[in-house]
Each structure stands twice: as C-alpha cells, then as structure tokens.
Amino acid sequence: MLTSSITTYFVREDNKSDDKDTQLERIMQKLDEIEKQNKDLREEIQKLKKK
C-alpha cells in the first residue's frame, strides 16, 4: 500500500508543471503523514499486545 501511494504521488501529471520547491513541500508533507501513520500504528499494536 505504501509503495503504491508513493508511486501514485510521483506519477501524477500535475507534478510536471509544479516548481521544485512545491514538489519538495509535497514530499515533506507526505513524509509527515506517513510518519504519523507509522506512530499511530505502533501505538495501536502496543494496545493490542496488552489485551
């Protein structure tokens, strides 16, 4: 799932017209989202292990 999300992100045609700063900002935002998802999943796993 993560791989397909990243692939989809980079393949979008509208990215071709964006400048490099905008592309970098989008990459950083996506990375932040992925890091948050990772943290949330770790917390959820820990809760499940305690049950």
N, C-alpha and C. Protein backbone atom coordinates (compact mmCIF):
# COMPACT_ATOMS: atom_id res chain seq x y z
N MET A 1 0.82 -1.19 0.00
CA MET A 1 0.00 0.00 0.00
C MET A 1 0.87 1.26 0.00
N LEU A 2 1.87 1.29 0.83
CA LEU A 2 2.76 2.45 0.90
C LEU A 2 3.45 2.67 -0.44
N THR A 3 3.92 1.60 -1.04
CA THR A 3 4.62 1.72 -2.32
C THR A 3 3.70 2.28 -3.39
N SER A 4 2.46 1.81 -3.44
CA SER A 4 1.54 2.31 -4.46
C SER A 4 1.20 3.77 -4.21
N SER A 5 1.11 4.18 -2.95
CA SER A 5 0.84 5.59 -2.64
C SER A 5 1.98 6.48 -3.11
N ILE A 6 3.18 6.05 -2.85
CA ILE A 6 4.35 6.83 -3.27
C ILE A 6 4.42 6.88 -4.80
N THR A 7 4.19 5.75 -5.44
CA THR A 7 4.22 5.70 -6.90
C THR A 7 3.17 6.63 -7.49
N THR A 8 1.96 6.55 -6.96
CA THR A 8 0.88 7.41 -7.44
C THR A 8 1.25 8.87 -7.28
N TYR A 9 1.83 9.19 -6.16
CA TYR A 9 2.23 10.58 -5.90
C TYR A 9 3.20 11.08 -6.97
N PHE A 10 4.18 10.30 -7.30
CA PHE A 10 5.21 10.75 -8.24
C PHE A 10 4.77 10.68 -9.70
N VAL A 11 3.75 9.92 -10.01
CA VAL A 11 3.34 9.74 -11.40
C VAL A 11 2.31 10.78 -11.83
N ARG A 12 1.69 11.45 -10.92
CA ARG A 12 0.66 12.43 -11.28
C ARG A 12 1.19 13.44 -12.29
N GLU A 13 0.37 13.70 -13.27
CA GLU A 13 0.79 14.62 -14.33
C GLU A 13 0.90 16.05 -13.84
N ASP A 14 0.09 16.42 -12.87
CA ASP A 14 0.13 17.81 -12.43
C ASP A 14 1.45 18.15 -11.76
N ASN A 15 2.20 17.15 -11.34
CA ASN A 15 3.50 17.41 -10.73
C ASN A 15 4.50 17.94 -11.75
N LYS A 16 4.27 17.63 -13.02
CA LYS A 16 5.20 18.06 -14.06
C LYS A 16 5.28 19.58 -14.14
N SER A 17 4.17 20.25 -13.87
CA SER A 17 4.14 21.70 -14.00
C SER A 17 4.54 22.43 -12.72
N ASP A 18 4.63 21.71 -11.63
CA ASP A 18 5.00 22.35 -10.36
C ASP A 18 6.48 22.66 -10.33
N ASP A 19 6.82 23.72 -9.61
CA ASP A 19 8.25 24.00 -9.44
C ASP A 19 8.84 23.09 -8.38
N LYS A 20 10.15 23.05 -8.30
CA LYS A 20 10.82 22.10 -7.41
C LYS A 20 10.52 22.34 -5.94
N ASP A 21 10.37 23.60 -5.54
CA ASP A 21 10.06 23.88 -4.13
C ASP A 21 8.70 23.32 -3.75
N THR A 22 7.73 23.46 -4.64
CA THR A 22 6.39 22.93 -4.38
C THR A 22 6.44 21.41 -4.30
N GLN A 23 7.18 20.79 -5.19
CA GLN A 23 7.31 19.33 -5.16
C GLN A 23 7.96 18.88 -3.85
N LEU A 24 9.00 19.57 -3.45
CA LEU A 24 9.67 19.22 -2.20
C LEU A 24 8.72 19.38 -1.01
N GLU A 25 7.95 20.43 -1.00
CA GLU A 25 6.99 20.65 0.09
C GLU A 25 5.96 19.52 0.13
N ARG A 26 5.48 19.09 -1.02
CA ARG A 26 4.52 17.99 -1.07
C ARG A 26 5.14 16.69 -0.57
N ILE A 27 6.38 16.45 -0.96
CA ILE A 27 7.08 15.25 -0.49
C ILE A 27 7.22 15.29 1.02
N MET A 28 7.58 16.43 1.56
CA MET A 28 7.75 16.57 3.01
C MET A 28 6.42 16.37 3.73
N GLN A 29 5.34 16.91 3.18
CA GLN A 29 4.02 16.72 3.79
C GLN A 29 3.64 15.24 3.78
N LYS A 30 3.89 14.58 2.67
CA LYS A 30 3.56 13.16 2.57
C LYS A 30 4.39 12.35 3.57
N LEU A 31 5.65 12.69 3.70
CA LEU A 31 6.51 12.02 4.66
C LEU A 31 5.99 12.22 6.08
N ASP A 32 5.57 13.43 6.40
CA ASP A 32 5.00 13.70 7.72
C ASP A 32 3.75 12.85 7.96
N GLU A 33 2.90 12.73 6.95
CA GLU A 33 1.70 11.90 7.07
C GLU A 33 2.07 10.44 7.32
N ILE A 34 3.04 9.94 6.58
CA ILE A 34 3.47 8.55 6.73
C ILE A 34 4.06 8.32 8.12
N GLU A 35 4.85 9.27 8.60
CA GLU A 35 5.43 9.14 9.94
C GLU A 35 4.35 9.12 11.01
N LYS A 36 3.33 9.94 10.85
CA LYS A 36 2.23 9.95 11.81
C LYS A 36 1.46 8.63 11.77
N GLN A 37 1.20 8.13 10.57
CA GLN A 37 0.52 6.84 10.44
C GLN A 37 1.34 5.75 11.10
N ASN A 38 2.64 5.78 10.91
CA ASN A 38 3.53 4.79 11.50
C ASN A 38 3.44 4.84 13.03
N LYS A 39 3.49 6.05 13.58
CA LYS A 39 3.39 6.22 15.03
C LYS A 39 2.05 5.70 15.55
N ASP A 40 0.96 6.07 14.86
CA ASP A 40 -0.37 5.61 15.26
C ASP A 40 -0.47 4.09 15.22
N LEU A 41 0.09 3.49 14.19
CA LEU A 41 0.05 2.03 14.07
C LEU A 41 0.86 1.36 15.18
N ARG A 42 1.99 1.93 15.52
CA ARG A 42 2.80 1.38 16.62
C ARG A 42 2.02 1.42 17.93
N GLU A 43 1.35 2.55 18.17
CA GLU A 43 0.55 2.67 19.39
C GLU A 43 -0.58 1.65 19.40
N GLU A 44 -1.22 1.49 18.26
CA GLU A 44 -2.32 0.53 18.17
C GLU A 44 -1.81 -0.90 18.40
N ILE A 45 -0.66 -1.22 17.86
CA ILE A 45 -0.07 -2.54 18.05
C ILE A 45 0.23 -2.77 19.53
N GLN A 46 0.77 -1.77 20.19
CA GLN A 46 1.08 -1.89 21.62
C GLN A 46 -0.19 -2.13 22.43
N LYS A 47 -1.26 -1.43 22.09
CA LYS A 47 -2.54 -1.62 22.79
C LYS A 47 -3.05 -3.05 22.58
N LEU A 48 -2.93 -3.54 21.35
CA LEU A 48 -3.40 -4.89 21.05
C LEU A 48 -2.56 -5.94 21.78
N LYS A 49 -1.28 -5.69 21.92
CA LYS A 49 -0.41 -6.64 22.63
C LYS A 49 -0.77 -6.73 24.10
N LYS A 50 -1.27 -5.64 24.67
CA LYS A 50 -1.63 -5.62 26.08
C LYS A 50 -2.91 -6.37 26.37
N LYS A 51 -3.72 -6.60 25.37
CA LYS A 51 -5.01 -7.29 25.57
C LYS A 51 -4.82 -8.76 25.78
